[in-house]
C-alpha cells in the first residue's frame, strides 16, 4: 500500500497530464451523502484521514485538509506522517476552502474537480471567491486512474417499506410534493439525495453502511415521476408497488443523458446544495429547462413525522431502551467481576441485545465507545490494536443506535464505571444541566434551531466552556441518523414544527482528560395557545435511564431536578413491560428520584 505522500505524487502526475494546477477532493458522492459508499471515499484514500467530514485540496506543490472540531485531534494524528496541512475549520485566521483556493490559484490557472461529486453550491462559492480572477474549472475525475483496488459501486437488493410503518403511500407523498412545487412556482424537481428518494418512494436497500438507501435519482413533474435505479435490484413486489404509484423506472446511469436529451419544457426546482455541478450543468444547458433555485422540498416533508411514524418511532425507542437496560446490566456485571472488557467489546455487546429485538435490521452508525480521555475525541473509533481496557474508575462514553422497520434510534450515555473526581462530577452535572435546559424548553412558534441552541450552551458559557459542534440533529425514519433540515445549531435557520424530531446532545470534551455527552431524541409538540400566539415544546422519546451516580444534586435547580425525576418515572413506566422481573428491579433503582 503506497503512503499518503506517494498517493499525492501519483495524483499530481495526472493533474499535470490534464493541465490542472489544483485538484479538489470532497467527502461526497453523486448524492452529496454524509456517509459514503466505499467506492467514493476518495478523500480518505488520498489523505489517510478517516473521519466522516473533510475536504482535501492538492496543488502542484502543497496540500491541505479541512475538517471540523469533532475531528481536530484525530486528523492531527492521522496526518502527522504526511505533507498535508491541517486546516481547523471555524478557528481564527483559518480560511475556507474557497478562500484558500482563490489565494493559491493565479489568473488563467485550472482547478480540476469531479463534477458528479461536487455540489453546485460549492462551485458557486468558488466563483464568488475567485471574483474577477479568471480561474478555469475542469470537470474531470482524477481519482479513478489513481486508486488501486477501488471498491465497486454498491448494488444491493431493494425492499418495500410497508404502509403500516410509513403511514403514507408513495402516491400520497408525490401529491404532497407537487403541492410544494406549486408554492415555488415550479413544475418539476430533480432529487439526488438518497434519504429524500427513499422516503418519497418507500423503497429501502443497503448500499451504504448503516444507511438503508439505494443509489438512485428521481425527477418528479406534474405528470410523471421517474426513478433512476437499476431495475435488476427491484424484486417483483417493489416493481408492482412502483407501478401502482405511477413511478417509472429508468437506469441509474441514464440520469445525465436523460437531462441532456429531455425536450418537455419544465421549470425545475433544484437545490444547489444537493445537486451536483455535473447535473446542474445539464439542466442549465438544456433549453427545455428553466431552473428555479431553492431548498429541496422533500427534506422538510419528511422532517415532519406523520402520526403513524411518530407512534412507530416511540415503539422502536421502547425496544431500544429495553436493549440498553440489558447492555448496562451486562456492563456493570463485567466491571464488578473484574472481567477484561475493552472499548472494542462494547459494540458487540450492544449488537447482542439489539439485534434480537423485533424488526431490528442493523445499526444506525458505527458505535462510539470511548473510555477516559479517548472520549475527548467526539467521533472516536476504537481499534482492536489500540483500544483501551475498561477499569472500575472514570467514565465510559457510549454513542450508539439501531435501524428498526419502525424507526431509527440514536442515544448517548456516559457511564461512571467507579471512582470519580469532584471535577469529573462537576463536568458531568454541567452537561446534564445543558441537556435538561433544551429538553424542558417552551418556545414560540417560529423559533429556529439557531434560536434554541443557545439554551443548551448558556450553562456552559457561564463557565467559559463550549463544545465545537451543534447541540442536536434530526433523525430519519428507517433513514439516516443525521437528518435535515432541522437541527439545534447556531447557524440553523429552519423553523421548528410539531412532528419534527431532534437530538439533544450537549457535551464537554477536554483533550487528554475527559469526554462527556448525554443524548436523547426529542419530539416537537404543541404546548399551548394563548393571546400571544402558539407555544411549542419538546417531548423526550428516548427511554433509557441517565446515570445519576455522578450528579452533584446541589448544582441542579428545582426545575431541572423535577425534570430528571419525571423523566425517569416515564422511562420506568414505558419500558418495564418489556423487561423481566430482575431487569425491572434493576431499572427501578436506576430511576429512583434524586433529592436535594
Protein backbone atom coordinates (compact mmCIF):
# COMPACT_ATOMS: atom_id res chain seq x y z
CA UNK A 1 0.00 0.00 0.00
CA UNK A 2 1.55 3.35 -1.01
CA UNK A 3 1.98 6.07 1.60
CA UNK A 4 -0.15 9.21 1.60
CA UNK A 5 2.67 11.24 0.06
CA UNK A 6 3.15 8.62 -2.66
CA UNK A 7 -0.58 8.74 -3.47
CA UNK A 8 -0.41 12.52 -3.74
CA UNK A 9 2.57 12.23 -6.10
CA UNK A 10 0.53 9.97 -8.39
CA UNK A 11 -2.34 12.44 -8.28
CA UNK A 12 -0.01 15.28 -9.27
CA UNK A 13 1.17 13.36 -12.34
CA UNK A 14 -2.43 13.06 -13.52
CA UNK A 15 -3.04 16.73 -12.73
CA UNK A 16 -0.10 17.60 -14.96
CA UNK A 17 -1.44 15.37 -17.76
CA UNK A 18 -4.78 17.24 -17.82
CA UNK A 19 -3.08 20.62 -17.29
CA UNK A 20 -4.62 21.20 -13.87
CA UNK A 21 -2.93 23.34 -11.23
CA UNK A 22 -5.04 22.11 -8.31
CA UNK A 23 -7.36 19.22 -7.51
CA UNK A 24 -10.38 19.34 -5.19
CA UNK A 25 -11.48 16.11 -3.46
CA UNK A 26 -14.56 16.42 -1.21
CA UNK A 27 -16.16 13.91 1.13
CA UNK A 28 -19.15 13.22 -1.09
CA UNK A 29 -20.69 11.04 -3.78
CA UNK A 30 -23.13 11.86 -6.63
CA UNK A 31 -25.86 12.27 -3.99
CA UNK A 32 -23.96 14.57 -1.59
CA UNK A 33 -24.29 11.88 1.07
CA UNK A 34 -22.86 12.29 4.55
CA UNK A 35 -21.94 8.63 4.88
CA UNK A 36 -20.27 7.36 1.73
CA UNK A 37 -20.15 4.01 -0.03
CA UNK A 38 -16.55 2.79 0.00
CA UNK A 39 -16.35 3.46 -3.76
CA UNK A 40 -16.50 7.22 -3.15
CA UNK A 41 -14.30 7.51 -0.04
CA UNK A 42 -11.64 9.22 -2.15
CA UNK A 43 -10.66 11.86 0.39
CA UNK A 44 -9.95 9.15 2.97
CA UNK A 45 -7.90 7.14 0.46
CA UNK A 46 -5.68 10.01 -0.65
CA UNK A 47 -5.26 11.77 2.71
CA UNK A 48 -5.20 8.92 5.24
CA UNK A 49 -7.72 10.84 7.39
CA UNK A 50 -10.72 8.58 8.03
CA UNK A 51 -13.17 10.95 9.73
CA UNK A 52 -16.58 11.32 8.09
CA UNK A 53 -16.16 15.03 7.28
CA UNK A 54 -13.25 16.60 5.45
CA UNK A 55 -12.06 18.21 2.22
CA UNK A 56 -8.69 17.67 0.53
CA UNK A 57 -7.06 20.13 -1.87
CA UNK A 58 -3.85 19.31 -3.71
CA UNK A 59 -1.83 21.80 -5.75
CA UNK A 60 1.41 21.21 -7.65
CA UNK A 61 3.50 21.93 -4.56
CA UNK A 62 1.24 21.79 -1.47
CA UNK A 63 -1.83 20.14 0.03
CA UNK A 64 -4.31 20.90 2.80
CA UNK A 65 -7.21 19.19 4.53
CA UNK A 66 -10.17 20.91 6.18
CA UNK A 67 -12.23 19.31 8.92
CA UNK A 68 -14.39 20.48 11.82
CA UNK A 69 -13.93 20.47 15.58
CA UNK A 70 -15.20 16.92 16.01
CA UNK A 71 -12.06 15.64 14.30
CA UNK A 72 -9.21 18.02 15.16
CA UNK A 73 -7.45 15.52 17.40
CA UNK A 74 -7.97 12.55 15.08
CA UNK A 75 -6.92 14.46 11.96
CA UNK A 76 -3.76 15.80 13.59
CA UNK A 77 -2.70 12.26 14.43
CA UNK A 78 -3.59 10.71 11.08
CA UNK A 79 -1.93 13.46 9.01
CA UNK A 80 1.23 13.56 11.12
CA UNK A 81 3.36 11.48 8.72
CA UNK A 82 2.20 13.25 5.57
CA UNK A 83 2.81 16.58 3.85
CA UNK A 84 -0.83 17.62 4.29
CA UNK A 85 -1.51 20.76 6.32
CA UNK A 86 -4.46 20.51 8.72
CA UNK A 87 -6.94 23.38 8.41
CA UNK A 88 -9.11 23.61 11.52
CA UNK A 89 -12.47 24.86 10.28
CA UNK A 90 -14.11 27.63 12.26
CA UNK A 91 -10.90 28.66 14.02
CA UNK A 92 -9.49 32.18 13.91
CA UNK A 93 -7.47 33.02 10.77
CA UNK A 94 -8.30 29.71 9.08
CA UNK A 95 -9.56 30.41 5.52
CA UNK A 96 -12.39 28.46 3.95
CA UNK A 97 -11.57 26.03 1.14
CA UNK A 98 -12.84 28.51 -1.45
CA UNK A 99 -10.82 31.39 0.02
CA UNK A 100 -7.67 29.28 0.16
CA UNK A 101 -8.06 28.21 -3.47
CA UNK A 102 -8.68 31.81 -4.53
CA UNK A 103 -5.36 32.75 -2.96
CA UNK A 104 -3.46 29.70 -4.23
CA UNK A 105 -4.58 29.84 -7.89
CA UNK A 106 -3.37 32.52 -10.26
CA UNK A 107 -5.03 34.15 -13.25
CA UNK A 108 -5.56 31.62 -16.04
CA UNK A 109 -4.85 28.54 -13.91
CA UNK A 110 -7.13 25.48 -13.72
CA UNK A 111 -8.88 23.69 -10.87
CA UNK A 112 -9.82 20.06 -11.51
CA UNK A 113 -12.83 18.55 -9.78
CA UNK A 114 -15.23 15.68 -10.39
CA UNK A 115 -18.49 17.42 -11.27
CA UNK A 116 -20.59 14.43 -10.25
CA UNK A 117 -19.39 14.50 -6.62
CA UNK A 118 -19.06 18.27 -6.18
CA UNK A 119 -22.14 20.30 -5.30
CA UNK A 120 -23.24 23.25 -7.38
CA UNK A 121 -23.30 25.29 -4.15
CA UNK A 122 -19.58 24.80 -3.68
CA UNK A 123 -18.87 25.83 -7.26
CA UNK A 124 -20.97 28.95 -6.61
CA UNK A 125 -18.81 29.68 -3.55
CA UNK A 126 -15.67 29.18 -5.64
CA UNK A 127 -16.79 31.59 -8.33
CA UNK A 128 -17.64 34.18 -5.69
CA UNK A 129 -14.23 33.76 -4.05
CA UNK A 130 -12.43 33.99 -7.42
CA UNK A 131 -14.21 37.28 -8.13
CA UNK A 132 -12.82 38.85 -11.30
CA UNK A 133 -9.87 36.47 -11.38
CA UNK A 134 -10.20 34.09 -14.33
CA UNK A 135 -9.72 30.58 -12.96
CA UNK A 136 -10.91 27.67 -15.07
CA UNK A 137 -12.92 24.81 -13.54
CA UNK A 138 -12.39 21.49 -15.30
CA UNK A 139 -14.95 18.72 -14.72
CA UNK A 140 -12.73 15.64 -14.69
CA UNK A 141 -12.39 12.57 -12.48
CA UNK A 142 -8.75 12.30 -11.40
CA UNK A 143 -9.45 9.65 -8.79
CA UNK A 144 -10.42 6.69 -10.99
CA UNK A 145 -6.98 6.00 -12.51
CA UNK A 146 -5.05 6.53 -9.28
CA UNK A 147 -6.90 4.28 -6.83
CA UNK A 148 -5.76 0.69 -6.86
CA UNK A 149 -8.34 -1.94 -5.90
CA UNK A 150 -11.08 0.66 -5.65
CA UNK A 151 -14.26 -0.88 -4.17
CA UNK A 152 -17.12 -1.37 -6.65
CA UNK A 153 -20.29 0.73 -6.81
CA UNK A 154 -22.78 -0.96 -4.43
CA UNK A 155 -25.96 -2.53 -5.79
CA UNK A 156 -27.91 -4.27 -3.00
CA UNK A 157 -31.43 -5.67 -3.28
CA UNK A 158 -34.25 -3.21 -2.60
CA UNK A 159 -37.29 -3.83 -0.42
CA UNK A 160 -40.58 -2.04 0.23
CA UNK A 161 -41.05 -0.12 3.48
CA UNK A 162 -44.63 -1.12 4.22
CA UNK A 163 -47.55 1.27 4.71
CA UNK A 164 -48.07 0.12 8.31
CA UNK A 165 -44.77 1.83 9.10
CA UNK A 166 -44.73 4.78 6.69
CA UNK A 167 -48.32 5.98 7.15
CA UNK A 168 -48.43 7.32 3.58
CA UNK A 169 -48.17 5.68 0.16
CA UNK A 170 -45.66 6.88 -2.41
CA UNK A 171 -48.56 8.33 -4.42
CA UNK A 172 -49.72 10.37 -1.40
CA UNK A 173 -46.18 11.63 -0.85
CA UNK A 174 -45.89 12.58 -4.53
CA UNK A 175 -49.13 14.53 -4.22
CA UNK A 176 -47.73 16.42 -1.22
CA UNK A 177 -44.51 17.10 -3.11
CA UNK A 178 -46.38 18.50 -6.13
CA UNK A 179 -48.26 20.83 -3.81
CA UNK A 180 -44.91 22.15 -2.60
CA UNK A 181 -43.82 22.68 -6.21
CA UNK A 182 -46.88 24.89 -6.74
CA UNK A 183 -45.76 27.10 -3.86
CA UNK A 184 -42.36 27.50 -5.51
CA UNK A 185 -43.90 28.20 -8.94
CA UNK A 186 -42.10 25.14 -10.32
CA UNK A 187 -43.41 22.30 -12.47
CA UNK A 188 -40.73 19.74 -11.61
CA UNK A 189 -37.93 18.90 -9.20
CA UNK A 190 -34.65 16.99 -9.53
CA UNK A 191 -33.96 14.83 -6.48
CA UNK A 192 -30.49 13.46 -5.83
CA UNK A 193 -30.43 12.94 -2.05
CA UNK A 194 -30.80 9.26 -1.20
CA UNK A 195 -32.75 9.89 2.01
CA UNK A 196 -35.30 12.01 0.11
CA UNK A 197 -35.77 9.39 -2.59
CA UNK A 198 -36.07 6.55 -0.07
CA UNK A 199 -38.75 8.45 1.86
CA UNK A 200 -40.64 9.50 -1.28
CA UNK A 201 -40.72 6.05 -2.91
CA UNK A 202 -40.96 3.92 0.26
CA UNK A 203 -38.01 1.86 -1.00
CA UNK A 204 -35.04 0.82 1.09
CA UNK A 205 -31.78 -1.05 0.44
CA UNK A 206 -28.30 -1.40 1.99
CA UNK A 207 -25.95 0.42 -0.38
CA UNK A 208 -24.34 2.47 2.40
CA UNK A 209 -23.26 1.09 5.75
CA UNK A 210 -25.83 1.92 8.43
CA UNK A 211 -27.98 3.87 5.94
CA UNK A 212 -30.84 1.85 4.35
CA UNK A 213 -30.71 3.56 0.95
CA UNK A 214 -30.44 2.61 -2.71
CA UNK A 215 -28.31 4.57 -5.17
CA UNK A 216 -30.86 6.40 -7.30
CA UNK A 217 -32.02 9.72 -8.71
CA UNK A 218 -35.57 10.98 -9.19
CA UNK A 219 -37.23 13.53 -11.43
CA UNK A 220 -40.78 14.47 -10.48
CA UNK A 221 -43.00 16.68 -12.63
CA UNK A 222 -46.73 17.45 -12.57
CA UNK A 223 -47.46 14.49 -14.83
CA UNK A 224 -44.76 11.92 -14.17
CA UNK A 225 -42.32 10.54 -11.64
CA UNK A 226 -39.10 8.94 -12.87
CA UNK A 227 -36.87 6.82 -10.64
CA UNK A 228 -33.36 6.24 -11.97
CA UNK A 229 -32.25 2.93 -10.48
CA UNK A 230 -31.03 -0.35 -11.90
CA UNK A 231 -34.19 -2.45 -12.40
CA UNK A 232 -32.30 -5.67 -11.62
CA UNK A 233 -32.27 -4.54 -7.99
CA UNK A 234 -36.06 -4.40 -7.75
CA UNK A 235 -37.92 -7.58 -6.75
CA UNK A 236 -41.44 -8.20 -8.03
CA UNK A 237 -43.27 -6.58 -5.12
CA UNK A 238 -41.14 -3.44 -5.40
CA UNK A 239 -41.77 -3.15 -9.15
CA UNK A 240 -45.50 -3.68 -8.56
CA UNK A 241 -45.57 -1.02 -5.83
CA UNK A 242 -43.84 1.50 -8.09
CA UNK A 243 -46.29 0.80 -10.92
CA UNK A 244 -49.27 1.16 -8.58
CA UNK A 245 -47.95 4.56 -7.52
CA UNK A 246 -47.25 5.69 -11.11
CA UNK A 247 -43.46 5.76 -10.80
CA UNK A 248 -41.47 4.87 -13.94
CA UNK A 249 -38.09 3.15 -13.70
CA UNK A 250 -35.03 4.19 -15.73
CA UNK A 251 -31.43 3.02 -15.42
CA UNK A 252 -29.26 4.58 -12.72
CA UNK A 253 -26.62 5.61 -15.23
CA UNK A 254 -29.15 7.27 -17.53
CA UNK A 255 -29.75 10.41 -15.44
CA UNK A 256 -27.20 12.65 -17.13
CA UNK A 257 -28.15 11.68 -20.69
CA UNK A 258 -31.89 11.97 -19.89
CA UNK A 259 -31.43 15.51 -18.59
CA UNK A 260 -29.42 16.35 -21.68
CA UNK A 261 -31.99 14.93 -24.14
CA UNK A 262 -35.33 15.86 -22.50
CA UNK A 263 -37.50 18.08 -24.72
CA UNK A 264 -40.51 18.60 -22.41
CA UNK A 265 -40.43 22.20 -21.10
CA UNK A 266 -40.21 22.28 -17.30
CA UNK A 267 -39.50 24.86 -14.63
CA UNK A 268 -37.24 22.76 -12.41
CA UNK A 269 -36.74 23.38 -8.71
CA UNK A 270 -33.13 22.49 -7.90
CA UNK A 271 -31.21 22.73 -4.64
CA UNK A 272 -27.62 23.84 -5.27
CA UNK A 273 -26.57 22.18 -2.03
CA UNK A 274 -27.72 18.71 -3.06
CA UNK A 275 -27.48 18.72 -6.88
CA UNK A 276 -24.03 18.07 -8.30
CA UNK A 277 -22.21 20.54 -10.52
CA UNK A 278 -22.31 17.97 -13.33
CA UNK A 279 -26.10 17.53 -13.26
CA UNK A 280 -26.64 21.26 -12.79
CA UNK A 281 -24.72 21.89 -16.00
CA UNK A 282 -27.05 19.51 -17.85
CA UNK A 283 -30.09 21.38 -16.53
CA UNK A 284 -28.56 24.73 -17.36
CA UNK A 285 -27.51 23.80 -20.91
CA UNK A 286 -30.84 22.21 -21.93
CA UNK A 287 -33.17 24.94 -23.33
CA UNK A 288 -36.23 22.90 -22.25
CA UNK A 289 -35.38 23.54 -18.61
CA UNK A 290 -35.73 26.72 -16.59
CA UNK A 291 -34.06 26.44 -13.18
CA UNK A 292 -35.68 27.76 -10.02
CA UNK A 293 -33.08 27.59 -7.29
CA UNK A 294 -34.48 26.72 -3.88
CA UNK A 295 -34.46 24.28 -0.98
CA UNK A 296 -35.27 20.68 -1.86
CA UNK A 297 -38.87 20.28 -0.53
CA UNK A 298 -38.76 16.58 0.38
CA UNK A 299 -36.38 17.37 3.24
CA UNK A 300 -38.98 19.39 5.12
CA UNK A 301 -41.80 17.00 4.20
CA UNK A 302 -40.02 14.01 5.70
CA UNK A 303 -38.64 16.08 8.57
CA UNK A 304 -42.18 16.44 9.95
CA UNK A 305 -43.23 12.95 11.04
CA UNK A 306 -46.83 11.88 10.49
CA UNK A 307 -48.88 10.29 13.33
CA UNK A 308 -48.15 6.73 12.16
CA UNK A 309 -44.41 7.42 12.04
CA UNK A 310 -44.49 9.02 15.50
CA UNK A 311 -46.28 6.03 17.02
CA UNK A 312 -43.80 3.67 15.37
CA UNK A 313 -40.81 5.73 16.46
CA UNK A 314 -41.90 5.60 20.09
CA UNK A 315 -42.31 1.84 19.82
CA UNK A 316 -38.84 1.47 18.33
CA UNK A 317 -37.36 3.53 21.15
CA UNK A 318 -39.07 1.39 23.78
CA UNK A 319 -37.43 -1.71 22.29
CA UNK A 320 -34.13 0.13 22.08
CA UNK A 321 -34.47 1.23 25.70
CA UNK A 322 -35.01 -2.35 26.82
CA UNK A 323 -31.87 -3.35 24.91
CA UNK A 324 -29.89 -0.53 26.55
CA UNK A 325 -31.01 -1.73 30.01
CA UNK A 326 -29.68 -5.22 29.27
CA UNK A 327 -26.45 -3.75 27.92
CA UNK A 328 -25.84 -1.66 31.03
CA UNK A 329 -26.62 -4.57 33.34
CA UNK A 330 -24.05 -6.70 31.50
CA UNK A 331 -21.50 -3.87 31.57
CA UNK A 332 -21.92 -3.45 35.32
CA UNK A 333 -21.64 -7.22 35.85
CA UNK A 334 -18.37 -7.37 33.93
CA UNK A 335 -16.85 -4.41 35.79
CA UNK A 336 -17.93 -5.78 39.19
CA UNK A 337 -16.44 -9.21 38.41
CA UNK A 338 -13.21 -7.82 37.03
CA UNK A 339 -13.75 -9.38 33.59
CA UNK A 340 -11.43 -7.96 30.96
CA UNK A 341 -13.57 -5.69 28.77
CA UNK A 342 -12.29 -3.29 26.15
CA UNK A 343 -13.81 -0.45 24.17
CA UNK A 344 -13.96 -2.80 21.20
CA UNK A 345 -16.18 -5.22 23.12
CA UNK A 346 -18.93 -2.62 23.59
CA UNK A 347 -20.23 -2.71 20.01
CA UNK A 348 -20.68 -6.49 20.05
CA UNK A 349 -22.35 -6.31 23.47
CA UNK A 350 -24.85 -3.83 22.04
CA UNK A 351 -25.45 -5.92 18.93
CA UNK A 352 -26.17 -8.94 21.11
CA UNK A 353 -29.06 -7.16 22.86
CA UNK A 354 -30.32 -5.04 19.95
CA UNK A 355 -30.38 -7.47 17.06
CA UNK A 356 -32.77 -9.81 18.90
CA UNK A 357 -35.36 -7.03 19.14
CA UNK A 358 -38.35 -7.39 16.78
CA UNK A 359 -37.93 -5.60 13.41
CA UNK A 360 -34.31 -4.61 14.06
CA UNK A 361 -32.39 -4.53 10.77
CA UNK A 362 -28.98 -3.31 11.96
CA UNK A 363 -27.03 -0.45 13.50
CA UNK A 364 -27.70 3.16 12.54
CA UNK A 365 -24.00 4.10 12.76
CA UNK A 366 -20.69 2.73 13.95
CA UNK A 367 -20.80 2.56 17.74
CA UNK A 368 -18.60 5.05 19.56
CA UNK A 369 -17.26 3.52 22.76
CA UNK A 370 -14.65 5.77 24.35
CA UNK A 371 -13.09 5.30 27.76
CA UNK A 372 -11.49 8.09 29.76
CA UNK A 373 -9.51 10.63 27.73
CA UNK A 374 -10.39 8.89 24.45
CA UNK A 375 -13.90 10.35 24.74
CA UNK A 376 -12.47 13.84 24.22
CA UNK A 377 -12.46 12.89 20.52
CA UNK A 378 -16.14 13.33 19.65
CA UNK A 379 -16.13 10.73 16.89
CA UNK A 380 -13.50 8.42 18.35
CA UNK A 381 -13.26 4.99 16.77
CA UNK A 382 -11.86 2.17 18.91
CA UNK A 383 -9.42 -0.08 17.04
CA UNK A 384 -8.54 -3.64 18.13
CA UNK A 385 -4.80 -2.95 18.29
CA UNK A 386 -5.11 0.14 20.47
CA UNK A 387 -8.49 0.05 22.23
CA UNK A 388 -8.49 0.80 25.94
CA UNK A 389 -9.28 -1.72 28.66
CA UNK A 390 -12.09 -0.57 30.94
CA UNK A 391 -11.26 -0.09 34.61
CA UNK A 392 -13.50 0.40 37.67
CA UNK A 393 -12.96 4.15 37.62
CA UNK A 394 -13.69 7.12 35.40
CA UNK A 395 -16.19 7.47 32.57
CA UNK A 396 -17.17 5.37 29.57
CA UNK A 397 -19.00 7.24 26.79
CA UNK A 398 -21.21 5.09 24.54
CA UNK A 399 -22.91 6.62 21.49
CA UNK A 400 -24.92 4.08 19.50
CA UNK A 401 -28.14 3.43 17.65
CA UNK A 402 -30.13 0.99 15.58
CA UNK A 403 -32.30 0.76 12.49
CA UNK A 404 -35.73 -0.75 13.03
CA UNK A 405 -38.50 -1.09 10.48
CA UNK A 406 -40.45 1.16 12.85
CA UNK A 407 -37.78 3.80 13.31
CA UNK A 408 -34.16 4.88 13.70
CA UNK A 409 -32.55 5.41 17.11
CA UNK A 410 -29.57 7.42 18.34
CA UNK A 411 -28.59 7.55 22.01
CA UNK A 412 -25.55 8.51 24.06
CA UNK A 413 -24.95 7.69 27.68
CA UNK A 414 -21.87 8.39 29.76
CA UNK A 415 -21.41 5.76 32.48
CA UNK A 416 -19.48 6.10 35.72
CA UNK A 417 -17.51 2.86 35.99
CA UNK A 418 -16.31 3.54 39.52
CA UNK A 419 -14.38 6.21 41.41
CA UNK A 420 -14.71 9.76 40.06
CA UNK A 421 -13.01 13.02 40.93
CA UNK A 422 -15.01 16.03 42.04
CA UNK A 423 -14.02 17.75 38.78
CA UNK A 424 -15.41 14.86 36.73
CA UNK A 425 -18.68 15.01 38.64
CA UNK A 426 -18.87 18.78 38.07
CA UNK A 427 -18.33 18.38 34.34
CA UNK A 428 -20.97 15.63 34.17
CA UNK A 429 -23.56 17.66 36.05
CA UNK A 430 -22.92 20.69 33.84
CA UNK A 431 -23.59 18.56 30.74
CA UNK A 432 -26.78 17.26 32.36
CA UNK A 433 -27.94 20.83 33.09
CA UNK A 434 -27.38 21.78 29.45
CA UNK A 435 -29.26 18.69 28.29
CA UNK A 436 -32.23 19.45 30.54
CA UNK A 437 -32.33 23.12 29.53
CA UNK A 438 -33.15 22.14 25.93
CA UNK A 439 -35.42 19.24 26.89
CA UNK A 440 -37.70 21.41 29.05
CA UNK A 441 -37.74 24.41 26.70
CA UNK A 442 -41.03 26.09 25.82
CA UNK A 443 -40.76 28.42 22.85
CA UNK A 444 -42.91 30.43 20.48
CA UNK A 445 -43.90 29.11 17.10
CA UNK A 446 -41.42 30.45 14.55
CA UNK A 447 -38.27 29.70 16.53
CA UNK A 448 -35.39 28.11 14.65
CA UNK A 449 -32.68 25.70 15.72
CA UNK A 450 -30.34 28.69 15.85
CA UNK A 451 -32.68 30.46 18.29
CA UNK A 452 -32.87 27.41 20.59
CA UNK A 453 -29.23 26.26 20.51
CA UNK A 454 -28.22 28.98 22.95
CA UNK A 455 -30.45 27.44 25.64
CA UNK A 456 -28.11 24.46 25.90
CA UNK A 457 -24.91 26.50 25.67
CA UNK A 458 -25.90 29.08 28.28
CA UNK A 459 -24.88 26.93 31.26
CA UNK A 460 -21.57 26.15 29.51
CA UNK A 461 -20.85 29.75 28.52
CA UNK A 462 -21.31 30.94 32.09
CA UNK A 463 -18.35 28.71 32.96
CA UNK A 464 -16.26 29.78 29.97
CA UNK A 465 -16.83 26.43 28.22
CA UNK A 466 -18.30 25.39 24.87
CA UNK A 467 -18.44 22.40 22.52
CA UNK A 468 -17.32 22.55 18.87
CA UNK A 469 -20.43 21.05 17.31
CA UNK A 470 -24.17 21.53 17.17
CA UNK A 471 -26.40 20.61 20.09
CA UNK A 472 -28.60 18.28 18.05
CA UNK A 473 -29.68 16.99 14.65
CA UNK A 474 -32.76 15.49 13.11
CA UNK A 475 -33.02 11.70 12.84
CA UNK A 476 -34.59 9.79 9.94
CA UNK A 477 -37.29 7.15 9.96
CA UNK A 478 -35.56 3.96 8.82
CA UNK A 479 -33.27 6.53 7.28
CA UNK A 480 -30.11 8.48 8.01
CA UNK A 481 -29.19 9.02 11.63
CA UNK A 482 -28.39 12.63 10.71
CA UNK A 483 -31.46 14.14 9.04
CA UNK A 484 -32.08 17.71 7.97
CA UNK A 485 -33.20 20.28 7.60
CA UNK A 486 -33.99 20.94 11.28
CA UNK A 487 -31.28 20.93 13.90
CA UNK A 488 -30.05 22.58 17.08
CA UNK A 489 -27.12 24.61 15.82
CA UNK A 490 -26.38 28.33 15.93
CA UNK A 491 -26.30 28.50 12.12
CA UNK A 492 -29.57 26.59 11.58
CA UNK A 493 -32.45 28.79 10.35
CA UNK A 494 -35.15 26.13 9.91
CA UNK A 495 -38.31 26.82 11.89
CA UNK A 496 -39.38 24.02 14.23
CA UNK A 497 -42.79 22.46 13.61
CA UNK A 498 -44.79 19.91 15.62
CA UNK A 499 -43.80 16.45 14.43
CA UNK A 500 -40.13 17.27 13.91
CA UNK A 501 -37.62 15.21 15.87
CA UNK A 502 -34.17 16.28 17.01
CA UNK A 503 -31.40 15.00 19.25
CA UNK A 504 -30.38 16.80 22.44
CA UNK A 505 -26.67 16.10 22.97
CA UNK A 506 -24.51 18.81 24.54
CA UNK A 507 -21.14 17.71 25.84
CA UNK A 508 -17.80 18.58 27.38
CA UNK A 509 -14.59 17.48 25.65
CA UNK A 510 -11.31 18.25 27.41
CA UNK A 511 -8.35 16.88 25.45
CA UNK A 512 -6.28 14.40 27.42
CA UNK A 513 -8.81 14.33 30.26
CA UNK A 514 -12.44 13.53 29.58
CA UNK A 515 -15.36 13.42 27.17
CA UNK A 516 -18.96 13.52 28.42
CA UNK A 517 -22.17 13.53 26.38
CA UNK A 518 -25.81 12.78 27.21
CA UNK A 519 -28.16 12.32 24.26
CA UNK A 520 -31.91 11.82 23.94
CA UNK A 521 -34.20 12.25 20.97
CA UNK A 522 -36.94 14.87 21.32
CA UNK A 523 -40.28 15.31 19.56
CA UNK A 524 -41.53 18.83 18.89
CA UNK A 525 -45.11 19.15 20.15
CA UNK A 526 -47.69 21.89 20.57
CA UNK A 527 -47.62 23.17 24.15
CA UNK A 528 -50.38 25.76 24.33
CA UNK A 529 -52.04 28.62 22.52
CA UNK A 530 -52.64 31.99 24.17
CA UNK A 531 -53.44 35.54 23.14
CA UNK A 532 -49.70 35.91 22.46
CA UNK A 533 -49.55 33.06 19.97
CA UNK A 534 -48.78 29.36 19.73
CA UNK A 535 -46.13 27.88 22.01
CA UNK A 536 -44.23 24.67 21.29
CA UNK A 537 -42.20 22.32 23.48
CA UNK A 538 -40.12 19.14 23.34
CA UNK A 539 -41.11 15.67 24.49
CA UNK A 540 -38.31 13.12 25.03
CA UNK A 541 -38.94 9.71 23.49
CA UNK A 542 -35.64 8.03 24.28
CA UNK A 543 -36.47 5.61 27.07
CA UNK A 544 -33.27 4.85 28.94
CA UNK A 545 -32.03 5.87 32.40
CA UNK A 546 -29.43 8.62 32.67
CA UNK A 547 -26.64 7.68 35.09
CA UNK A 548 -27.30 9.65 38.28
CA UNK A 549 -24.31 8.44 40.32
CA UNK A 550 -22.06 11.32 39.14
CA UNK A 551 -24.70 14.02 39.65
CA UNK A 552 -23.94 16.84 42.07
CA UNK A 553 -27.55 17.43 43.03
CA UNK A 554 -26.95 20.86 44.53
CA UNK A 555 -25.89 22.14 41.09
CA UNK A 556 -29.39 21.46 39.71
CA UNK A 557 -32.25 23.90 40.05
CA UNK A 558 -35.52 22.57 41.44
CA UNK A 559 -36.99 22.72 37.94
CA UNK A 560 -34.08 20.71 36.49
CA UNK A 561 -34.30 18.14 39.27
CA UNK A 562 -38.05 17.78 38.75
CA UNK A 563 -37.47 17.23 35.03
CA UNK A 564 -34.91 14.49 35.70
CA UNK A 565 -37.13 12.70 38.21
CA UNK A 566 -40.17 12.93 35.93
CA UNK A 567 -38.12 11.67 33.00
CA UNK A 568 -37.01 8.61 34.96
CA UNK A 569 -40.56 7.91 36.11
CA UNK A 570 -41.61 7.95 32.44
CA UNK A 571 -38.74 5.62 31.43
CA UNK A 572 -39.71 3.14 34.14
CA UNK A 573 -43.35 3.19 33.04
CA UNK A 574 -42.66 2.84 29.32
CA UNK A 575 -40.13 0.02 29.19
CA UNK A 576 -40.93 -2.07 32.28
CA UNK A 577 -43.49 -4.13 30.29
CA UNK A 578 -40.63 -5.27 28.00
CA UNK A 579 -38.41 -6.46 30.87
CA UNK A 580 -38.34 -9.45 33.22
CA UNK A 581 -38.66 -9.12 36.99
CA UNK A 582 -34.90 -8.91 37.61
CA UNK A 583 -34.50 -6.22 34.96
CA UNK A 584 -37.44 -4.22 36.33
CA UNK A 585 -35.92 -4.32 39.82
CA UNK A 586 -32.60 -3.04 38.43
CA UNK A 587 -34.33 -0.31 36.42
CA UNK A 588 -36.39 0.77 39.43
CA UNK A 589 -33.19 1.53 41.32
CA UNK A 590 -31.67 3.39 38.36
CA UNK A 591 -34.81 5.51 38.01
CA UNK A 592 -35.14 6.31 41.72
CA UNK A 593 -35.75 10.04 42.26
CA UNK A 594 -32.95 12.29 43.48
CA UNK A 595 -33.47 14.78 46.30
CA UNK A 596 -31.63 17.93 47.33
